[in-house]
């Protein structure tokens, strides 16, 4: 009995770790693509310049080499960041700026229309 309950606890802990790692991977990737767009643009520019330089030096396809190294570096960066956050025990539910991920919306937005300075007093 004792052994089976330990296995159940260990299995649920692994499930929580896998869920946390998956959520962190998704969140970091979305943040990189949306918020880090200038960084992505800069990395792409450096990649194009590296391709032009390497094409004259290497007899193989420099485009394939640079593209695979940039994509591999990005994937490695996102996965290592997610693994680090998961290993430190920081769960996505504990992070305040990830409230959109859990469906918690404490912000109440009132619609603001162009004619509101004229008509808002009539509605309220």
PDB file of N, CA and C in Angstrom:
ATOM      1  N   UNK A   1       0.806  -1.187   0.000  1.00  0.00           N
ATOM      2  CA  UNK A   1       0.000   0.000   0.000  1.00  0.00           C
ATOM      3  C   UNK A   1       0.853   1.256   0.000  1.00  0.00           C
ATOM      4  N   UNK A   2       1.876   1.225   0.856  1.00  0.00           N
ATOM      5  CA  UNK A   2       2.752   2.389   0.997  1.00  0.00           C
ATOM      6  C   UNK A   2       3.466   2.686  -0.322  1.00  0.00           C
ATOM      7  N   UNK A   3       3.913   1.657  -0.989  1.00  0.00           N
ATOM      8  CA  UNK A   3       4.651   1.835  -2.238  1.00  0.00           C
ATOM      9  C   UNK A   3       3.753   2.403  -3.335  1.00  0.00           C
ATOM     10  N   UNK A   4       2.533   1.942  -3.437  1.00  0.00           N
ATOM     11  CA  UNK A   4       1.640   2.438  -4.483  1.00  0.00           C
ATOM     12  C   UNK A   4       1.250   3.890  -4.242  1.00  0.00           C
ATOM     13  N   UNK A   5       1.116   4.309  -2.981  1.00  0.00           N
ATOM     14  CA  UNK A   5       0.797   5.717  -2.730  1.00  0.00           C
ATOM     15  C   UNK A   5       1.983   6.609  -3.044  1.00  0.00           C
ATOM     16  N   UNK A   6       3.192   6.113  -2.804  1.00  0.00           N
ATOM     17  CA  UNK A   6       4.388   6.888  -3.170  1.00  0.00           C
ATOM     18  C   UNK A   6       4.506   7.049  -4.681  1.00  0.00           C
ATOM     19  N   UNK A   7       4.191   6.001  -5.403  1.00  0.00           N
ATOM     20  CA  UNK A   7       4.240   6.078  -6.863  1.00  0.00           C
ATOM     21  C   UNK A   7       3.214   7.063  -7.385  1.00  0.00           C
ATOM     22  N   UNK A   8       2.041   7.094  -6.769  1.00  0.00           N
ATOM     23  CA  UNK A   8       0.998   8.036  -7.182  1.00  0.00           C
ATOM     24  C   UNK A   8       1.409   9.468  -6.926  1.00  0.00           C
ATOM     25  N   UNK A   9       2.050   9.715  -5.787  1.00  0.00           N
ATOM     26  CA  UNK A   9       2.519  11.062  -5.470  1.00  0.00           C
ATOM     27  C   UNK A   9       3.636  11.469  -6.420  1.00  0.00           C
ATOM     28  N   UNK A  10       4.555  10.532  -6.690  1.00  0.00           N
ATOM     29  CA  UNK A  10       5.654  10.818  -7.616  1.00  0.00           C
ATOM     30  C   UNK A  10       5.152  11.070  -9.025  1.00  0.00           C
ATOM     31  N   UNK A  11       4.135  10.317  -9.420  1.00  0.00           N
ATOM     32  CA  UNK A  11       3.580  10.488 -10.760  1.00  0.00           C
ATOM     33  C   UNK A  11       2.857  11.817 -10.888  1.00  0.00           C
ATOM     34  N   UNK A  12       2.118  12.205  -9.840  1.00  0.00           N
ATOM     35  CA  UNK A  12       1.419  13.490  -9.910  1.00  0.00           C
ATOM     36  C   UNK A  12       2.414  14.646  -9.878  1.00  0.00           C
ATOM     37  N   UNK A  13       3.509  14.489  -9.125  1.00  0.00           N
ATOM     38  CA  UNK A  13       4.542  15.528  -9.106  1.00  0.00           C
ATOM     39  C   UNK A  13       5.190  15.669 -10.482  1.00  0.00           C
ATOM     40  N   UNK A  14       5.458  14.554 -11.154  1.00  0.00           N
ATOM     41  CA  UNK A  14       6.025  14.608 -12.501  1.00  0.00           C
ATOM     42  C   UNK A  14       5.042  15.248 -13.474  1.00  0.00           C
ATOM     43  N   UNK A  15       3.763  14.983 -13.283  1.00  0.00           N
ATOM     44  CA  UNK A  15       2.743  15.585 -14.136  1.00  0.00           C
ATOM     45  C   UNK A  15       2.696  17.100 -13.942  1.00  0.00           C
ATOM     46  N   UNK A  16       2.822  17.550 -12.687  1.00  0.00           N
ATOM     47  CA  UNK A  16       2.852  18.988 -12.404  1.00  0.00           C
ATOM     48  C   UNK A  16       4.099  19.617 -13.014  1.00  0.00           C
ATOM     49  N   UNK A  17       5.245  18.940 -12.914  1.00  0.00           N
ATOM     50  CA  UNK A  17       6.478  19.459 -13.520  1.00  0.00           C
ATOM     51  C   UNK A  17       6.371  19.548 -15.038  1.00  0.00           C
ATOM     52  N   UNK A  18       5.800  18.530 -15.659  1.00  0.00           N
ATOM     53  CA  UNK A  18       5.644  18.554 -17.119  1.00  0.00           C
ATOM     54  C   UNK A  18       4.686  19.652 -17.549  1.00  0.00           C
ATOM     55  N   UNK A  19       3.608  19.849 -16.791  1.00  0.00           N
ATOM     56  CA  UNK A  19       2.653  20.907 -17.106  1.00  0.00           C
ATOM     57  C   UNK A  19       3.313  22.274 -16.948  1.00  0.00           C
ATOM     58  N   UNK A  20       4.065  22.450 -15.870  1.00  0.00           N
ATOM     59  CA  UNK A  20       4.755  23.717 -15.635  1.00  0.00           C
ATOM     60  C   UNK A  20       5.772  23.998 -16.740  1.00  0.00           C
ATOM     61  N   UNK A  21       6.531  22.974 -17.134  1.00  0.00           N
ATOM     62  CA  UNK A  21       7.514  23.135 -18.199  1.00  0.00           C
ATOM     63  C   UNK A  21       6.839  23.487 -19.518  1.00  0.00           C
ATOM     64  N   UNK A  22       5.727  22.848 -19.818  1.00  0.00           N
ATOM     65  CA  UNK A  22       5.015  23.125 -21.073  1.00  0.00           C
ATOM     66  C   UNK A  22       4.447  24.545 -21.089  1.00  0.00           C
ATOM     67  N   UNK A  23       3.889  24.972 -19.966  1.00  0.00           N
ATOM     68  CA  UNK A  23       3.323  26.324 -19.899  1.00  0.00           C
ATOM     69  C   UNK A  23       4.437  27.362 -19.996  1.00  0.00           C
ATOM     70  N   UNK A  24       5.565  27.120 -19.327  1.00  0.00           N
ATOM     71  CA  UNK A  24       6.682  28.066 -19.424  1.00  0.00           C
ATOM     72  C   UNK A  24       7.238  28.121 -20.848  1.00  0.00           C
ATOM     73  N   UNK A  25       7.326  26.980 -21.508  1.00  0.00           N
ATOM     74  CA  UNK A  25       7.818  26.961 -22.889  1.00  0.00           C
ATOM     75  C   UNK A  25       6.906  27.769 -23.793  1.00  0.00           C
ATOM     76  N   UNK A  26       5.598  27.558 -23.681  1.00  0.00           N
ATOM     77  CA  UNK A  26       4.637  28.303 -24.483  1.00  0.00           C
ATOM     78  C   UNK A  26       4.719  29.796 -24.186  1.00  0.00           C
ATOM     79  N   UNK A  27       4.767  30.139 -22.901  1.00  0.00           N
ATOM     80  CA  UNK A  27       4.785  31.553 -22.509  1.00  0.00           C
ATOM     81  C   UNK A  27       6.039  32.251 -22.985  1.00  0.00           C
ATOM     82  N   UNK A  28       7.193  31.620 -22.813  1.00  0.00           N
ATOM     83  CA  UNK A  28       8.446  32.244 -23.251  1.00  0.00           C
ATOM     84  C   UNK A  28       8.508  32.381 -24.767  1.00  0.00           C
ATOM     85  N   UNK A  29       7.982  31.404 -25.483  1.00  0.00           N
ATOM     86  CA  UNK A  29       7.974  31.487 -26.941  1.00  0.00           C
ATOM     87  C   UNK A  29       7.064  32.605 -27.423  1.00  0.00           C
ATOM     88  N   UNK A  30       5.883  32.722 -26.830  1.00  0.00           N
ATOM     89  CA  UNK A  30       4.966  33.797 -27.211  1.00  0.00           C
ATOM     90  C   UNK A  30       5.557  35.159 -26.870  1.00  0.00           C
ATOM     91  N   UNK A  31       6.164  35.264 -25.694  1.00  0.00           N
ATOM     92  CA  UNK A  31       6.795  36.542 -25.308  1.00  0.00           C
ATOM     93  C   UNK A  31       7.941  36.897 -26.242  1.00  0.00           C
ATOM     94  N   UNK A  32       8.700  35.904 -26.663  1.00  0.00           N
ATOM     95  CA  UNK A  32       9.798  36.166 -27.592  1.00  0.00           C
ATOM     96  C   UNK A  32       9.274  36.653 -28.934  1.00  0.00           C
ATOM     97  N   UNK A  33       8.213  36.051 -29.413  1.00  0.00           N
ATOM     98  CA  UNK A  33       7.683  36.432 -30.719  1.00  0.00           C
ATOM     99  C   UNK A  33       6.930  37.753 -30.701  1.00  0.00           C
ATOM    100  N   UNK A  34       6.187  38.021 -29.625  1.00  0.00           N
ATOM    101  CA  UNK A  34       5.344  39.210 -29.589  1.00  0.00           C
ATOM    102  C   UNK A  34       6.097  40.406 -29.027  1.00  0.00           C
ATOM    103  N   UNK A  35       6.596  40.265 -27.819  1.00  0.00           N
ATOM    104  CA  UNK A  35       7.257  41.378 -27.152  1.00  0.00           C
ATOM    105  C   UNK A  35       8.662  41.589 -27.704  1.00  0.00           C
ATOM    106  N   UNK A  36       9.330  40.502 -28.033  1.00  0.00           N
ATOM    107  CA  UNK A  36      10.709  40.603 -28.485  1.00  0.00           C
ATOM    108  C   UNK A  36      10.857  40.736 -29.985  1.00  0.00           C
ATOM    109  N   UNK A  37       9.874  41.319 -30.659  1.00  0.00           N
ATOM    110  CA  UNK A  37       9.960  41.445 -32.111  1.00  0.00           C
ATOM    111  C   UNK A  37      11.189  42.228 -32.568  1.00  0.00           C
ATOM    112  N   UNK A  38      11.564  43.334 -31.924  1.00  0.00           N
ATOM    113  CA  UNK A  38      12.803  44.015 -32.349  1.00  0.00           C
ATOM    114  C   UNK A  38      14.036  43.129 -32.216  1.00  0.00           C
ATOM    115  N   UNK A  39      14.058  42.274 -31.181  1.00  0.00           N
ATOM    116  CA  UNK A  39      15.176  41.353 -31.018  1.00  0.00           C
ATOM    117  C   UNK A  39      15.193  40.319 -32.142  1.00  0.00           C
ATOM    118  N   UNK A  40      14.030  39.819 -32.505  1.00  0.00           N
ATOM    119  CA  UNK A  40      13.934  38.860 -33.607  1.00  0.00           C
ATOM    120  C   UNK A  40      14.373  39.511 -34.915  1.00  0.00           C
ATOM    121  N   UNK A  41      13.983  40.750 -35.115  1.00  0.00           N
ATOM    122  CA  UNK A  41      14.384  41.477 -36.327  1.00  0.00           C
ATOM    123  C   UNK A  41      15.898  41.674 -36.360  1.00  0.00           C
ATOM    124  N   UNK A  42      16.496  42.004 -35.225  1.00  0.00           N
ATOM    125  CA  UNK A  42      17.944  42.186 -35.147  1.00  0.00           C
ATOM    126  C   UNK A  42      18.688  40.875 -35.392  1.00  0.00           C
ATOM    127  N   UNK A  43      18.201  39.789 -34.821  1.00  0.00           N
ATOM    128  CA  UNK A  43      18.829  38.486 -35.025  1.00  0.00           C
ATOM    129  C   UNK A  43      18.711  38.063 -36.485  1.00  0.00           C
ATOM    130  N   UNK A  44      17.588  38.324 -37.118  1.00  0.00           N
ATOM    131  CA  UNK A  44      17.424  37.983 -38.532  1.00  0.00           C
ATOM    132  C   UNK A  44      18.375  38.800 -39.407  1.00  0.00           C
ATOM    133  N   UNK A  45      18.567  40.068 -39.064  1.00  0.00           N
ATOM    134  CA  UNK A  45      19.499  40.906 -39.824  1.00  0.00           C
ATOM    135  C   UNK A  45      20.927  40.398 -39.688  1.00  0.00           C
ATOM    136  N   UNK A  46      21.319  40.043 -38.483  1.00  0.00           N
ATOM    137  CA  UNK A  46      22.661  39.491 -38.272  1.00  0.00           C
ATOM    138  C   UNK A  46      22.806  38.159 -39.008  1.00  0.00           C
ATOM    139  N   UNK A  47      21.750  37.367 -39.015  1.00  0.00           N
ATOM    140  CA  UNK A  47      21.788  36.097 -39.734  1.00  0.00           C
ATOM    141  C   UNK A  47      21.963  36.273 -41.231  1.00  0.00           C
ATOM    142  N   UNK A  48      21.298  37.265 -41.807  1.00  0.00           N
ATOM    143  CA  UNK A  48      21.455  37.527 -43.244  1.00  0.00           C
ATOM    144  C   UNK A  48      22.875  37.973 -43.550  1.00  0.00           C
ATOM    145  N   UNK A  49      23.410  38.849 -42.721  1.00  0.00           N
ATOM    146  CA  UNK A  49      24.795  39.297 -42.929  1.00  0.00           C
ATOM    147  C   UNK A  49      25.789  38.143 -42.757  1.00  0.00           C
ATOM    148  N   UNK A  50      25.556  37.279 -41.774  1.00  0.00           N
ATOM    149  CA  UNK A  50      26.428  36.119 -41.585  1.00  0.00           C
ATOM    150  C   UNK A  50      26.332  35.163 -42.765  1.00  0.00           C
ATOM    151  N   UNK A  51      25.150  35.034 -43.337  1.00  0.00           N
ATOM    152  CA  UNK A  51      24.989  34.182 -44.516  1.00  0.00           C
ATOM    153  C   UNK A  51      25.777  34.715 -45.702  1.00  0.00           C
ATOM    154  N   UNK A  52      25.732  36.013 -45.910  1.00  0.00           N
ATOM    155  CA  UNK A  52      26.465  36.622 -47.024  1.00  0.00           C
ATOM    156  C   UNK A  52      27.964  36.433 -46.845  1.00  0.00           C
ATOM    157  N   UNK A  53      28.456  36.610 -45.627  1.00  0.00           N
ATOM    158  CA  UNK A  53      29.885  36.455 -45.368  1.00  0.00           C
ATOM    159  C   UNK A  53      30.305  34.993 -45.495  1.00  0.00           C
ATOM    160  N   UNK A  54      29.512  34.085 -44.924  1.00  0.00           N
ATOM    161  CA  UNK A  54      29.885  32.671 -44.952  1.00  0.00           C
ATOM    162  C   UNK A  54      29.746  32.039 -46.333  1.00  0.00           C
ATOM    163  N   UNK A  55      28.925  32.581 -47.185  1.00  0.00           N
ATOM    164  CA  UNK A  55      28.750  32.008 -48.527  1.00  0.00           C
ATOM    165  C   UNK A  55      30.041  32.050 -49.318  1.00  0.00           C
ATOM    166  N   UNK A  56      30.839  33.087 -49.120  1.00  0.00           N
ATOM    167  CA  UNK A  56      32.110  33.187 -49.848  1.00  0.00           C
ATOM    168  C   UNK A  56      33.200  32.337 -49.216  1.00  0.00           C
ATOM    169  N   UNK A  57      33.052  31.993 -47.937  1.00  0.00           N
ATOM    170  CA  UNK A  57      34.095  31.251 -47.237  1.00  0.00           C
ATOM    171  C   UNK A  57      33.856  29.750 -47.288  1.00  0.00           C
ATOM    172  N   UNK A  58      32.623  29.323 -47.058  1.00  0.00           N
ATOM    173  CA  UNK A  58      32.312  27.906 -46.984  1.00  0.00           C
ATOM    174  C   UNK A  58      31.768  27.391 -48.312  1.00  0.00           C
ATOM    175  N   UNK A  59      32.213  26.215 -48.737  1.00  0.00           N
ATOM    176  CA  UNK A  59      31.687  25.664 -49.986  1.00  0.00           C
ATOM    177  C   UNK A  59      30.279  25.069 -49.822  1.00  0.00           C
ATOM    178  N   UNK A  60      29.823  24.890 -48.590  1.00  0.00           N
ATOM    179  CA  UNK A  60      28.485  24.339 -48.378  1.00  0.00           C
ATOM    180  C   UNK A  60      27.461  25.466 -48.303  1.00  0.00           C
ATOM    181  N   UNK A  61      26.258  25.128 -48.145  1.00  0.00           N
ATOM    182  CA  UNK A  61      25.198  26.130 -48.104  1.00  0.00           C
ATOM    183  C   UNK A  61      25.241  26.894 -46.784  1.00  0.00           C
ATOM    184  N   UNK A  62      25.575  28.156 -46.862  1.00  0.00           N
ATOM    185  CA  UNK A  62      25.658  28.991 -45.663  1.00  0.00           C
ATOM    186  C   UNK A  62      24.270  29.316 -45.126  1.00  0.00           C
ATOM    187  N   UNK A  63      23.286  29.343 -46.015  1.00  0.00           N
ATOM    188  CA  UNK A  63      21.917  29.633 -45.569  1.00  0.00           C
ATOM    189  C   UNK A  63      21.435  28.548 -44.619  1.00  0.00           C
ATOM    190  N   UNK A  64      21.677  27.299 -44.965  1.00  0.00           N
ATOM    191  CA  UNK A  64      21.261  26.189 -44.114  1.00  0.00           C
ATOM    192  C   UNK A  64      21.994  26.215 -42.781  1.00  0.00           C
ATOM    193  N   UNK A  65      23.269  26.499 -42.811  1.00  0.00           N
ATOM    194  CA  UNK A  65      24.061  26.537 -41.583  1.00  0.00           C
ATOM    195  C   UNK A  65      23.596  27.654 -40.650  1.00  0.00           C
ATOM    196  N   UNK A  66      23.419  28.846 -41.170  1.00  0.00           N
ATOM    197  CA  UNK A  66      23.017  29.979 -40.332  1.00  0.00           C
ATOM    198  C   UNK A  66      21.578  29.818 -39.853  1.00  0.00           C
ATOM    199  N   UNK A  67      20.692  29.397 -40.726  1.00  0.00           N
ATOM    200  CA  UNK A  67      19.291  29.237 -40.328  1.00  0.00           C
ATOM    201  C   UNK A  67      19.133  28.163 -39.255  1.00  0.00           C
ATOM    202  N   UNK A  68      19.813  27.044 -39.431  1.00  0.00           N
ATOM    203  CA  UNK A  68      19.701  25.984 -38.426  1.00  0.00           C
ATOM    204  C   UNK A  68      20.335  26.392 -37.107  1.00  0.00           C
ATOM    205  N   UNK A  69      21.426  27.144 -37.145  1.00  0.00           N
ATOM    206  CA  UNK A  69      22.034  27.575 -35.885  1.00  0.00           C
ATOM    207  C   UNK A  69      21.170  28.627 -35.184  1.00  0.00           C
ATOM    208  N   UNK A  70      20.538  29.524 -35.936  1.00  0.00           N
ATOM    209  CA  UNK A  70      19.656  30.514 -35.315  1.00  0.00           C
ATOM    210  C   UNK A  70      18.408  29.868 -34.722  1.00  0.00           C
ATOM    211  N   UNK A  71      17.788  28.958 -35.459  1.00  0.00           N
ATOM    212  CA  UNK A  71      16.608  28.266 -34.941  1.00  0.00           C
ATOM    213  C   UNK A  71      16.969  27.367 -33.758  1.00  0.00           C
ATOM    214  N   UNK A  72      18.094  26.671 -33.871  1.00  0.00           N
ATOM    215  CA  UNK A  72      18.533  25.816 -32.765  1.00  0.00           C
ATOM    216  C   UNK A  72      18.857  26.617 -31.519  1.00  0.00           C
ATOM    217  N   UNK A  73      19.506  27.770 -31.702  1.00  0.00           N
ATOM    218  CA  UNK A  73      19.812  28.635 -30.556  1.00  0.00           C
ATOM    219  C   UNK A  73      18.563  29.175 -29.898  1.00  0.00           C
ATOM    220  N   UNK A  74      17.581  29.544 -30.700  1.00  0.00           N
ATOM    221  CA  UNK A  74      16.322  30.052 -30.152  1.00  0.00           C
ATOM    222  C   UNK A  74      15.584  28.966 -29.384  1.00  0.00           C
ATOM    223  N   UNK A  75      15.499  27.781 -29.952  1.00  0.00           N
ATOM    224  CA  UNK A  75      14.830  26.664 -29.280  1.00  0.00           C
ATOM    225  C   UNK A  75      15.572  26.309 -27.992  1.00  0.00           C
ATOM    226  N   UNK A  76      16.909  26.287 -28.048  1.00  0.00           N
ATOM    227  CA  UNK A  76      17.701  25.982 -26.864  1.00  0.00           C
ATOM    228  C   UNK A  76      17.515  27.043 -25.781  1.00  0.00           C
ATOM    229  N   UNK A  77      17.449  28.299 -26.168  1.00  0.00           N
ATOM    230  CA  UNK A  77      17.243  29.384 -25.211  1.00  0.00           C
ATOM    231  C   UNK A  77      15.880  29.287 -24.533  1.00  0.00           C
ATOM    232  N   UNK A  78      14.840  29.042 -25.313  1.00  0.00           N
ATOM    233  CA  UNK A  78      13.486  28.933 -24.753  1.00  0.00           C
ATOM    234  C   UNK A  78      13.376  27.701 -23.851  1.00  0.00           C
ATOM    235  N   UNK A  79      13.893  26.567 -24.294  1.00  0.00           N
ATOM    236  CA  UNK A  79      13.792  25.351 -23.492  1.00  0.00           C
ATOM    237  C   UNK A  79      14.636  25.426 -22.221  1.00  0.00           C
ATOM    238  N   UNK A  80      15.818  26.036 -22.302  1.00  0.00           N
ATOM    239  CA  UNK A  80      16.641  26.160 -21.098  1.00  0.00           C
ATOM    240  C   UNK A  80      16.021  27.156 -20.117  1.00  0.00           C
ATOM    241  N   UNK A  81      15.406  28.219 -20.617  1.00  0.00           N
ATOM    242  CA  UNK A  81      14.705  29.146 -19.738  1.00  0.00           C
ATOM    243  C   UNK A  81      13.530  28.479 -19.046  1.00  0.00           C
ATOM    244  N   UNK A  82      12.764  27.698 -19.784  1.00  0.00           N
ATOM    245  CA  UNK A  82      11.631  26.986 -19.190  1.00  0.00           C
ATOM    246  C   UNK A  82      12.107  25.942 -18.188  1.00  0.00           C
ATOM    247  N   UNK A  83      13.192  25.251 -18.491  1.00  0.00           N
ATOM    248  CA  UNK A  83      13.731  24.253 -17.560  1.00  0.00           C
ATOM    249  C   UNK A  83      14.262  24.916 -16.294  1.00  0.00           C
ATOM    250  N   UNK A  84      14.902  26.068 -16.436  1.00  0.00           N
ATOM    251  CA  UNK A  84      15.416  26.778 -15.267  1.00  0.00           C
ATOM    252  C   UNK A  84      14.283  27.256 -14.371  1.00  0.00           C
ATOM    253  N   UNK A  85      13.256  27.842 -14.961  1.00  0.00           N
ATOM    254  CA  UNK A  85      12.119  28.310 -14.168  1.00  0.00           C
ATOM    255  C   UNK A  85      11.385  27.151 -13.492  1.00  0.00           C
ATOM    256  N   UNK A  86      11.282  26.030 -14.182  1.00  0.00           N
ATOM    257  CA  UNK A  86      10.631  24.865 -13.599  1.00  0.00           C
ATOM    258  C   UNK A  86      11.484  24.268 -12.487  1.00  0.00           C
ATOM    259  N   UNK A  87      12.805  24.202 -12.698  1.00  0.00           N
ATOM    260  CA  UNK A  87      13.700  23.630 -11.688  1.00  0.00           C
ATOM    261  C   UNK A  87      13.761  24.493 -10.429  1.00  0.00           C
ATOM    262  N   UNK A  88      13.633  25.804 -10.585  1.00  0.00           N
ATOM    263  CA  UNK A  88      13.630  26.680  -9.415  1.00  0.00           C
ATOM    264  C   UNK A  88      12.310  26.619  -8.651  1.00  0.00           C
ATOM    265  N   UNK A  89      11.319  25.984  -9.218  1.00  0.00           N
ATOM    266  CA  UNK A  89      10.035  25.828  -8.538  1.00  0.00           C
ATOM    267  C   UNK A  89       9.094  26.998  -8.722  1.00  0.00           C
ATOM    268  N   UNK A  90       9.349  27.815  -9.714  1.00  0.00           N
ATOM    269  CA  UNK A  90       8.462  28.942 -10.001  1.00  0.00           C
ATOM    270  C   UNK A  90       7.364  28.428 -10.922  1.00  0.00           C
ATOM    271  N   UNK A  91       6.157  28.352 -10.389  1.00  0.00           N
ATOM    272  CA  UNK A  91       5.042  27.856 -11.175  1.00  0.00           C
ATOM    273  C   UNK A  91       4.328  29.020 -11.844  1.00  0.00           C
ATOM    274  N   UNK A  92       3.791  28.815 -13.031  1.00  0.00           N
ATOM    275  CA  UNK A  92       3.111  29.903 -13.744  1.00  0.00           C
ATOM    276  C   UNK A  92       1.922  30.483 -12.972  1.00  0.00           C
ATOM    277  N   UNK A  93       1.315  29.698 -12.075  1.00  0.00           N
ATOM    278  CA  UNK A  93       0.195  30.214 -11.299  1.00  0.00           C
ATOM    279  C   UNK A  93       0.643  31.263 -10.284  1.00  0.00           C
ATOM    280  N   UNK A  94       1.925  31.276  -9.922  1.00  0.00           N
ATOM    281  CA  UNK A  94       2.444  32.197  -8.921  1.00  0.00           C
ATOM    282  C   UNK A  94       2.892  33.535  -9.509  1.00  0.00           C
ATOM    283  N   UNK A  95       2.991  33.614 -10.815  1.00  0.00           N
ATOM    284  CA  UNK A  95       3.489  34.822 -11.455  1.00  0.00           C
ATOM    285  C   UNK A  95       2.315  35.764 -11.697  1.00  0.00           C
ATOM    286  N   UNK A  96       2.468  37.006 -11.230  1.00  0.00           N
ATOM    287  CA  UNK A  96       1.363  37.965 -11.273  1.00  0.00           C
ATOM    288  C   UNK A  96       1.011  38.368 -12.701  1.00  0.00           C
ATOM    289  N   UNK A  97       2.012  38.565 -13.575  1.00  0.00           N
ATOM    290  CA  UNK A  97       1.731  39.054 -14.918  1.00  0.00           C
ATOM    291  C   UNK A  97       1.215  37.967 -15.850  1.00  0.00           C
ATOM    292  N   UNK A  98       1.042  36.753 -15.365  1.00  0.00           N
ATOM    293  CA  UNK A  98       0.470  35.680 -16.172  1.00  0.00           C
ATOM    294  C   UNK A  98      -0.990  35.412 -15.836  1.00  0.00           C
ATOM    295  N   UNK A  99      -1.692  36.412 -15.304  1.00  0.00           N
ATOM    296  CA  UNK A  99      -3.092  36.200 -14.934  1.00  0.00           C
ATOM    297  C   UNK A  99      -3.954  35.890 -16.152  1.00  0.00           C
ATOM    298  N   UNK A 100      -3.568  36.374 -17.326  1.00  0.00           N
ATOM    299  CA  UNK A 100      -4.320  36.088 -18.545  1.00  0.00           C
ATOM    300  C   UNK A 100      -4.279  34.611 -18.879  1.00  0.00           C
ATOM    301  N   UNK A 101      -3.266  33.912 -18.401  1.00  0.00           N
ATOM    302  CA  UNK A 101      -3.111  32.500 -18.708  1.00  0.00           C
ATOM    303  C   UNK A 101      -4.101  31.635 -17.929  1.00  0.00           C
ATOM    304  N   UNK A 102      -4.499  32.076 -16.747  1.00  0.00           N
ATOM    305  CA  UNK A 102      -5.415  31.298 -15.917  1.00  0.00           C
ATOM    306  C   UNK A 102      -6.860  31.715 -16.112  1.00  0.00           C
ATOM    307  N   UNK A 103      -7.100  32.756 -16.876  1.00  0.00           N
ATOM    308  CA  UNK A 103      -8.456  33.227 -17.082  1.00  0.00           C
ATOM    309  C   UNK A 103      -8.897  34.221 -16.033  1.00  0.00           C
ATOM    310  N   UNK A 104      -7.980  34.666 -15.186  1.00  0.00           N
ATOM    311  CA  UNK A 104      -8.325  35.656 -14.171  1.00  0.00           C
ATOM    312  C   UNK A 104      -8.258  37.041 -14.779  1.00  0.00           C
ATOM    313  N   UNK A 105      -9.357  37.700 -14.807  1.00  0.00           N
ATOM    314  CA  UNK A 105      -9.363  39.065 -15.318  1.00  0.00           C
ATOM    315  C   UNK A 105      -9.991  39.954 -14.269  1.00  0.00           C
ATOM    316  N   UNK A 106      -9.147  40.677 -13.560  1.00  0.00           N
ATOM    317  CA  UNK A 106      -9.628  41.587 -12.524  1.00  0.00           C
ATOM    318  C   UNK A 106      -9.828  42.995 -13.059  1.00  0.00           C
ATOM    319  N   UNK A 107      -9.415  43.211 -14.272  1.00  0.00           N
ATOM    320  CA  UNK A 107      -9.524  44.540 -14.849  1.00  0.00           C
ATOM    321  C   UNK A 107     -10.902  44.736 -15.460  1.00  0.00           C
ATOM    322  N   UNK A 108     -11.552  45.813 -15.088  1.00  0.00           N
ATOM    323  CA  UNK A 108     -12.857  46.136 -15.651  1.00  0.00           C
ATOM    324  C   UNK A 108     -12.654  47.273 -16.640  1.00  0.00           C
ATOM    325  N   UNK A 109     -12.947  46.986 -17.884  1.00  0.00           N
ATOM    326  CA  UNK A 109     -12.763  47.986 -18.934  1.00  0.00           C
ATOM    327  C   UNK A 109     -14.123  48.546 -19.315  1.00  0.00           C
ATOM    328  N   UNK A 110     -14.212  49.840 -19.326  1.00  0.00           N
ATOM    329  CA  UNK A 110     -15.410  50.508 -19.794  1.00  0.00           C
ATOM    330  C   UNK A 110     -15.161  50.916 -21.244  1.00  0.00           C
ATOM    331  N   UNK A 111     -16.095  50.680 -22.119  1.00  0.00           N
ATOM    332  CA  UNK A 111     -15.869  51.079 -23.503  1.00  0.00           C
ATOM    333  C   UNK A 111     -15.772  52.599 -23.624  1.00  0.00           C
ATOM    334  N   UNK A 112     -14.808  53.048 -24.421  1.00  0.00           N
ATOM    335  CA  UNK A 112     -14.609  54.481 -24.633  1.00  0.00           C
ATOM    336  C   UNK A 112     -14.795  54.745 -26.123  1.00  0.00           C
ATOM    337  N   UNK A 113     -15.772  55.527 -26.442  1.00  0.00           N
ATOM    338  CA  UNK A 113     -16.069  55.826 -27.831  1.00  0.00           C
ATOM    339  C   UNK A 113     -15.637  57.254 -28.147  1.00  0.00           C
ATOM    340  N   UNK A 114     -15.545  57.556 -29.413  1.00  0.00           N
ATOM    341  CA  UNK A 114     -15.100  58.883 -29.827  1.00  0.00           C
ATOM    342  C   UNK A 114     -16.086  59.961 -29.386  1.00  0.00           C
ATOM    343  N   UNK A 115     -17.340  59.622 -29.305  1.00  0.00           N
ATOM    344  CA  UNK A 115     -18.341  60.620 -28.921  1.00  0.00           C
ATOM    345  C   UNK A 115     -18.584  60.642 -27.417  1.00  0.00           C
ATOM    346  N   UNK A 116     -17.764  59.946 -26.655  1.00  0.00           N
ATOM    347  CA  UNK A 116     -17.999  59.829 -25.225  1.00  0.00           C
ATOM    348  C   UNK A 116     -17.996  61.171 -24.483  1.00  0.00           C
ATOM    349  N   UNK A 117     -17.133  62.116 -24.792  1.00  0.00           N
ATOM    350  CA  UNK A 117     -17.229  63.366 -24.067  1.00  0.00           C
ATOM    351  C   UNK A 117     -18.589  64.050 -24.203  1.00  0.00           C
ATOM    352  N   UNK A 118     -19.292  63.771 -25.280  1.00  0.00           N
ATOM    353  CA  UNK A 118     -20.602  64.396 -25.479  1.00  0.00           C
ATOM    354  C   UNK A 118     -21.739  63.561 -24.901  1.00  0.00           C
ATOM    355  N   UNK A 119     -21.605  62.227 -24.943  1.00  0.00           N
ATOM    356  CA  UNK A 119     -22.741  61.379 -24.605  1.00  0.00           C
ATOM    357  C   UNK A 119     -22.559  60.560 -23.339  1.00  0.00           C
ATOM    358  N   UNK A 120     -21.390  60.526 -22.738  1.00  0.00           N
ATOM    359  CA  UNK A 120     -21.184  59.693 -21.547  1.00  0.00           C
ATOM    360  C   UNK A 120     -22.058  60.133 -20.379  1.00  0.00           C
ATOM    361  N   UNK A 121     -22.313  61.395 -20.247  1.00  0.00           N
ATOM    362  CA  UNK A 121     -23.156  61.856 -19.141  1.00  0.00           C
ATOM    363  C   UNK A 121     -24.598  61.392 -19.336  1.00  0.00           C
ATOM    364  N   UNK A 122     -25.025  61.146 -20.569  1.00  0.00           N
ATOM    365  CA  UNK A 122     -26.386  60.687 -20.812  1.00  0.00           C
ATOM    366  C   UNK A 122     -26.555  59.211 -20.421  1.00  0.00           C
ATOM    367  N   UNK A 123     -25.515  58.412 -20.590  1.00  0.00           N
ATOM    368  CA  UNK A 123     -25.579  56.975 -20.326  1.00  0.00           C
ATOM    369  C   UNK A 123     -25.572  56.739 -18.822  1.00  0.00           C
ATOM    370  N   UNK A 124     -24.782  57.448 -18.082  1.00  0.00           N
ATOM    371  CA  UNK A 124     -24.638  57.218 -16.660  1.00  0.00           C
ATOM    372  C   UNK A 124     -25.692  57.891 -15.925  1.00  0.00           C
TER     373      UNK A 124
END
